[in-house]
Amino acid sequence: MLIPALVNLIHNAVNSNQENGNDRLEVRCYAKQQQCFLEFRDYGTGVTKGNIEALGYELINSNKGLGIAVLLSNMTLERLGGTLHLENHADLGCTTKITLQYRSTPHEVTDH
């Protein structure tokens, strides 16, 4: 369930880039205090203010579609105890932030 949800979000970021003539996608991943954080930043045109608040929580009507992929990804993340947050970047594009909980095992390296 997790992999298709992440692929949907990356696919949306890539599409946003292509619509704006960019090919750059920044990905950050780190762990801290039993949480895994993933961030995808695209260089598209961003999301309108009214839509960014609803995106991932309800269907929206825009020229890019209805936001079904983001809605399904968010539902999957929530089922796994995670969160999804979208925000427009101050300069250009949108940042997708994902937080997932995890349990460390005795053999894992922990964050210092």
C-alpha atoms as a PDB file:
ATOM      1  CA  MET A   1       0.000   0.000   0.000  1.00  0.00           C
ATOM      2  CA  LEU A   2       2.788   2.437   0.851  1.00  0.00           C
ATOM      3  CA  ILE A   3       4.783   2.168  -2.390  1.00  0.00           C
ATOM      4  CA  PRO A   4       1.835   3.026  -4.723  1.00  0.00           C
ATOM      5  CA  ALA A   5       0.920   5.965  -2.454  1.00  0.00           C
ATOM      6  CA  LEU A   6       4.459   7.356  -2.669  1.00  0.00           C
ATOM      7  CA  VAL A   7       4.652   6.739  -6.431  1.00  0.00           C
ATOM      8  CA  ASN A   8       1.391   8.700  -6.897  1.00  0.00           C
ATOM      9  CA  LEU A   9       2.813  11.673  -5.029  1.00  0.00           C
ATOM     10  CA  ILE A  10       6.105  11.576  -6.949  1.00  0.00           C
ATOM     11  CA  HIS A  11       4.175  11.251 -10.223  1.00  0.00           C
ATOM     12  CA  ASN A  12       2.172  14.385  -9.368  1.00  0.00           C
ATOM     13  CA  ALA A  13       5.398  16.284  -8.633  1.00  0.00           C
ATOM     14  CA  VAL A  14       6.935  15.186 -11.938  1.00  0.00           C
ATOM     15  CA  ASN A  15       3.780  16.221 -13.824  1.00  0.00           C
ATOM     16  CA  SER A  16       3.826  19.643 -12.149  1.00  0.00           C
ATOM     17  CA  ASN A  17       7.421  20.098 -13.226  1.00  0.00           C
ATOM     18  CA  GLN A  18       6.675  19.127 -16.816  1.00  0.00           C
ATOM     19  CA  GLU A  19       3.732  21.542 -16.996  1.00  0.00           C
ATOM     20  CA  ASN A  20       6.084  24.347 -15.935  1.00  0.00           C
ATOM     21  CA  GLY A  21       9.020  23.284 -18.140  1.00  0.00           C
ATOM     22  CA  ASN A  22      11.214  22.092 -15.256  1.00  0.00           C
ATOM     23  CA  ASP A  23      12.909  18.761 -14.681  1.00  0.00           C
ATOM     24  CA  ARG A  24      14.189  19.214 -11.134  1.00  0.00           C
ATOM     25  CA  LEU A  25      12.740  17.290  -8.194  1.00  0.00           C
ATOM     26  CA  GLU A  26      14.256  17.471  -4.719  1.00  0.00           C
ATOM     27  CA  VAL A  27      13.779  14.525  -2.376  1.00  0.00           C
ATOM     28  CA  ARG A  28      14.718  14.526   1.302  1.00  0.00           C
ATOM     29  CA  CYS A  29      14.417  11.588   3.634  1.00  0.00           C
ATOM     30  CA  TYR A  30      15.472  11.429   7.257  1.00  0.00           C
ATOM     31  CA  ALA A  31      14.552   9.723  10.521  1.00  0.00           C
ATOM     32  CA  LYS A  32      14.148  11.252  13.953  1.00  0.00           C
ATOM     33  CA  GLN A  33      12.492  10.071  17.174  1.00  0.00           C
ATOM     34  CA  GLN A  34      10.769   6.970  15.749  1.00  0.00           C
ATOM     35  CA  GLN A  35       9.524   8.864  12.692  1.00  0.00           C
ATOM     36  CA  CYS A  36      10.508   8.781   9.049  1.00  0.00           C
ATOM     37  CA  PHE A  37      10.174  12.043   7.136  1.00  0.00           C
ATOM     38  CA  LEU A  38       9.955  12.271   3.329  1.00  0.00           C
ATOM     39  CA  GLU A  39       9.769  15.527   1.406  1.00  0.00           C
ATOM     40  CA  PHE A  40       9.299  16.014  -2.332  1.00  0.00           C
ATOM     41  CA  ARG A  41       9.725  19.495  -3.751  1.00  0.00           C
ATOM     42  CA  ASP A  42       8.727  20.171  -7.318  1.00  0.00           C
ATOM     43  CA  TYR A  43       9.304  23.284  -9.406  1.00  0.00           C
ATOM     44  CA  GLY A  44       5.856  23.514 -10.947  1.00  0.00           C
ATOM     45  CA  THR A  45       3.400  26.364 -10.609  1.00  0.00           C
ATOM     46  CA  GLY A  46       2.204  25.303  -7.156  1.00  0.00           C
ATOM     47  CA  VAL A  47      -1.380  24.760  -6.037  1.00  0.00           C
ATOM     48  CA  THR A  48      -4.023  27.443  -5.659  1.00  0.00           C
ATOM     49  CA  LYS A  49      -4.640  28.490  -2.057  1.00  0.00           C
ATOM     50  CA  GLY A  50      -8.205  27.152  -1.942  1.00  0.00           C
ATOM     51  CA  ASN A  51      -7.195  23.809  -3.421  1.00  0.00           C
ATOM     52  CA  ILE A  52      -4.070  23.219  -1.327  1.00  0.00           C
ATOM     53  CA  GLU A  53      -6.129  23.129   1.879  1.00  0.00           C
ATOM     54  CA  ALA A  54      -8.565  20.558   0.430  1.00  0.00           C
ATOM     55  CA  LEU A  55      -6.083  18.504  -1.597  1.00  0.00           C
ATOM     56  CA  GLY A  56      -5.715  15.076  -0.031  1.00  0.00           C
ATOM     57  CA  TYR A  57      -8.897  15.394   2.016  1.00  0.00           C
ATOM     58  CA  GLU A  58     -11.628  15.784  -0.587  1.00  0.00           C
ATOM     59  CA  LEU A  59     -12.106  15.751  -4.336  1.00  0.00           C
ATOM     60  CA  ILE A  60     -11.325  19.091  -5.928  1.00  0.00           C
ATOM     61  CA  ASN A  61     -12.115  20.382  -9.367  1.00  0.00           C
ATOM     62  CA  SER A  62      -9.145  21.920 -11.151  1.00  0.00           C
ATOM     63  CA  ASN A  63      -7.637  21.979 -14.621  1.00  0.00           C
ATOM     64  CA  LYS A  64      -5.225  19.255 -13.423  1.00  0.00           C
ATOM     65  CA  GLY A  65      -7.964  16.810 -12.359  1.00  0.00           C
ATOM     66  CA  LEU A  66      -9.861  15.965  -9.208  1.00  0.00           C
ATOM     67  CA  GLY A  67      -6.975  15.165  -6.869  1.00  0.00           C
ATOM     68  CA  ILE A  68      -7.956  11.496  -6.604  1.00  0.00           C
ATOM     69  CA  ALA A  69      -4.345  10.236  -6.473  1.00  0.00           C
ATOM     70  CA  VAL A  70      -3.480  12.591  -3.607  1.00  0.00           C
ATOM     71  CA  LEU A  71      -6.695  11.701  -1.776  1.00  0.00           C
ATOM     72  CA  LEU A  72      -5.975   7.962  -2.048  1.00  0.00           C
ATOM     73  CA  SER A  73      -2.335   8.466  -1.048  1.00  0.00           C
ATOM     74  CA  ASN A  74      -3.398  10.461   2.000  1.00  0.00           C
ATOM     75  CA  MET A  75      -5.920   7.780   3.011  1.00  0.00           C
ATOM     76  CA  THR A  76      -3.201   5.128   2.754  1.00  0.00           C
ATOM     77  CA  LEU A  77      -0.749   7.177   4.809  1.00  0.00           C
ATOM     78  CA  GLU A  78      -3.367   7.814   7.482  1.00  0.00           C
ATOM     79  CA  ARG A  79      -4.170   4.070   7.672  1.00  0.00           C
ATOM     80  CA  LEU A  80      -0.477   3.467   8.297  1.00  0.00           C
ATOM     81  CA  GLY A  81      -0.383   6.097  11.054  1.00  0.00           C
ATOM     82  CA  GLY A  82       1.242   8.722   8.856  1.00  0.00           C
ATOM     83  CA  THR A  83       0.448  12.225   7.728  1.00  0.00           C
ATOM     84  CA  LEU A  84       0.528  14.140   4.460  1.00  0.00           C
ATOM     85  CA  HIS A  85       0.988  17.892   4.246  1.00  0.00           C
ATOM     86  CA  LEU A  86       1.210  19.971   1.069  1.00  0.00           C
ATOM     87  CA  GLU A  87       2.469  23.532   0.941  1.00  0.00           C
ATOM     88  CA  ASN A  88       3.486  25.920  -1.771  1.00  0.00           C
ATOM     89  CA  HIS A  89       7.161  26.806  -1.716  1.00  0.00           C
ATOM     90  CA  ALA A  90       7.933  30.494  -1.219  1.00  0.00           C
ATOM     91  CA  ASP A  91       9.960  30.622  -4.449  1.00  0.00           C
ATOM     92  CA  LEU A  92       8.339  28.163  -6.840  1.00  0.00           C
ATOM     93  CA  GLY A  93       6.496  24.870  -6.783  1.00  0.00           C
ATOM     94  CA  CYS A  94       5.018  22.717  -4.066  1.00  0.00           C
ATOM     95  CA  THR A  95       6.505  20.704  -1.212  1.00  0.00           C
ATOM     96  CA  THR A  96       4.875  17.419  -0.223  1.00  0.00           C
ATOM     97  CA  LYS A  97       5.719  16.377   3.342  1.00  0.00           C
ATOM     98  CA  ILE A  98       5.117  12.853   4.597  1.00  0.00           C
ATOM     99  CA  THR A  99       5.592  11.610   8.145  1.00  0.00           C
ATOM    100  CA  LEU A 100       5.490   7.913   9.062  1.00  0.00           C
ATOM    101  CA  GLN A 101       5.858   6.267  12.463  1.00  0.00           C
ATOM    102  CA  TYR A 102       8.135   3.274  12.846  1.00  0.00           C
ATOM    103  CA  ARG A 103       9.410   0.980  15.547  1.00  0.00           C
ATOM    104  CA  SER A 104      13.102   0.276  15.727  1.00  0.00           C
ATOM    105  CA  THR A 105      14.359  -3.229  16.207  1.00  0.00           C
ATOM    106  CA  PRO A 106      17.411  -4.083  18.334  1.00  0.00           C
ATOM    107  CA  HIS A 107      19.543  -4.398  15.180  1.00  0.00           C
ATOM    108  CA  GLU A 108      18.714  -1.014  13.664  1.00  0.00           C
ATOM    109  CA  VAL A 109      20.981   1.996  13.898  1.00  0.00           C
ATOM    110  CA  THR A 110      19.255   4.751  15.828  1.00  0.00           C
ATOM    111  CA  ASP A 111      19.331   8.481  15.202  1.00  0.00           C
ATOM    112  CA  HIS A 112      21.883  10.361  17.349  1.00  0.00           C
END
